[in-house]
Amino acid sequence: MKSRNLGLNIFGIIGFCLFIISYFFYKDYRIKEPDRAKEENLNVFFSGIIDSINRDYSNHGVTILILKDKNRLKFNMYEYSRFKKNDSIVKRKGEDSIYIYRDGEVKAYKY
């Protein structure tokens, strides 16, 4: 008579089921995450005059704007060249653009 090791089969079946279940949760999360990020960006609002511009190299080169009212705004590192000291910057709630006012001109960028 041959002995069978059913313990390994049970762990294999449980592992396979967990893999299938986690795949469907991940697939659902992957679809919802970009929509959640866009929704959060729509709820952000700020305005002010840029007092200084810094880069935080310890945090992946994040661009940090410090406004005259001492608020700190963080942007992607690639957006460093868009800003200059004394620019006015506005992001209205419900919009996905930021507006930069400089020397009588207005420039709009996606946030």
Protein backbone atom coordinates (compact mmCIF):
# COMPACT_ATOMS: atom_id res chain seq x y z
CA MET A 1 0.00 0.00 0.00
CA LYS A 2 1.28 3.44 -0.84
CA SER A 3 1.06 6.25 1.67
CA ARG A 4 -0.09 9.60 0.48
CA ASN A 5 0.95 12.91 1.92
CA LEU A 6 -2.31 14.82 2.02
CA GLY A 7 -0.81 17.65 4.10
CA LEU A 8 1.07 19.08 1.13
CA ASN A 9 -1.98 18.85 -1.11
CA ILE A 10 -4.13 20.78 1.38
CA PHE A 11 -1.53 23.55 1.69
CA GLY A 12 -1.25 23.69 -2.08
CA ILE A 13 -5.01 24.02 -2.51
CA ILE A 14 -5.22 26.72 0.18
CA GLY A 15 -2.29 28.60 -1.39
CA PHE A 16 -3.87 28.43 -4.84
CA CYS A 17 -7.21 29.71 -3.51
CA LEU A 18 -5.48 32.59 -1.70
CA PHE A 19 -3.61 33.47 -4.89
CA ILE A 20 -6.83 33.60 -6.93
CA ILE A 21 -8.66 35.69 -4.31
CA SER A 22 -5.75 38.14 -3.94
CA TYR A 23 -5.53 38.52 -7.72
CA PHE A 24 -9.14 39.68 -7.94
CA PHE A 25 -8.68 42.13 -5.04
CA TYR A 26 -5.53 43.53 -6.68
CA LYS A 27 -7.25 43.83 -10.04
CA ASP A 28 -10.11 45.78 -8.45
CA TYR A 29 -7.69 48.01 -6.48
CA ARG A 30 -5.59 48.75 -9.57
CA ILE A 31 -8.65 50.08 -11.42
CA LYS A 32 -9.88 52.25 -8.53
CA GLU A 33 -6.54 53.78 -7.45
CA PRO A 34 -6.09 56.27 -10.35
CA ASP A 35 -9.68 57.45 -9.91
CA ARG A 36 -9.10 57.96 -6.18
CA ALA A 37 -5.94 59.99 -6.85
CA LYS A 38 -7.76 62.19 -9.37
CA GLU A 39 -10.59 62.75 -6.89
CA GLU A 40 -8.12 63.80 -4.18
CA ASN A 41 -6.45 66.26 -6.57
CA LEU A 42 -9.82 67.87 -7.32
CA ASN A 43 -10.40 68.55 -3.61
CA VAL A 44 -7.05 70.35 -3.14
CA PHE A 45 -7.00 74.14 -3.21
CA PHE A 46 -4.35 76.76 -2.49
CA SER A 47 -3.26 80.23 -3.50
CA GLY A 48 -0.42 82.55 -2.67
CA ILE A 49 2.79 84.22 -3.76
CA ILE A 50 5.92 82.09 -3.98
CA ASP A 51 8.52 83.20 -1.43
CA SER A 52 11.13 80.49 -2.11
CA ILE A 53 11.65 77.33 -4.13
CA ASN A 54 13.60 74.34 -2.84
CA ARG A 55 14.25 70.74 -3.78
CA ASP A 56 14.15 67.95 -1.24
CA TYR A 57 16.73 65.50 -2.57
CA SER A 58 16.19 63.19 0.39
CA ASN A 59 12.61 62.74 -0.87
CA HIS A 60 13.23 61.92 -4.56
CA GLY A 61 13.95 65.54 -5.54
CA VAL A 62 10.47 66.81 -4.69
CA THR A 63 9.99 70.51 -5.50
CA ILE A 64 8.91 72.46 -2.42
CA LEU A 65 7.32 75.89 -2.76
CA ILE A 66 7.15 78.07 0.32
CA LEU A 67 4.51 80.77 0.01
CA LYS A 68 4.61 84.20 1.67
CA ASP A 69 2.01 82.98 4.20
CA LYS A 70 4.46 80.14 5.11
CA ASN A 71 2.38 77.36 3.53
CA ARG A 72 4.46 74.62 1.93
CA LEU A 73 3.43 73.00 -1.35
CA LYS A 74 5.04 69.88 -2.77
CA PHE A 75 5.26 69.13 -6.48
CA ASN A 76 6.86 66.56 -8.72
CA MET A 77 10.60 67.08 -9.21
CA TYR A 78 10.12 67.73 -12.93
CA GLU A 79 8.04 70.84 -12.23
CA TYR A 80 10.90 72.78 -10.62
CA SER A 81 11.54 74.93 -13.71
CA ARG A 82 7.90 76.07 -13.98
CA PHE A 83 8.05 78.23 -10.87
CA LYS A 84 9.89 81.46 -10.07
CA LYS A 85 10.08 83.55 -6.95
CA ASN A 86 7.23 86.11 -6.63
CA ASP A 87 4.92 84.17 -8.98
CA SER A 88 1.30 83.98 -7.88
CA ILE A 89 0.01 80.42 -7.86
CA VAL A 90 -3.65 79.38 -7.64
CA LYS A 91 -5.36 75.98 -7.55
CA ARG A 92 -9.13 76.14 -7.21
CA LYS A 93 -11.15 73.36 -5.60
CA GLY A 94 -12.91 71.22 -8.19
CA GLU A 95 -10.45 72.04 -10.99
CA ASP A 96 -7.54 69.92 -12.17
CA SER A 97 -5.28 72.83 -13.19
CA ILE A 98 -2.96 75.20 -11.40
CA TYR A 99 -2.57 78.75 -12.63
CA ILE A 100 0.69 80.68 -12.43
CA TYR A 101 0.53 84.45 -12.78
CA ARG A 102 3.82 86.09 -13.82
CA ASP A 103 4.40 89.56 -15.31
CA GLY A 104 0.78 89.94 -16.45
CA GLU A 105 0.67 86.50 -18.07
CA VAL A 106 -1.25 83.45 -16.93
CA LYS A 107 -0.02 79.91 -17.50
CA ALA A 108 -2.14 76.86 -16.72
CA TYR A 109 -0.77 73.39 -15.95
CA LYS A 110 -2.48 70.13 -15.07
CA TYR A 111 -2.15 69.33 -11.38
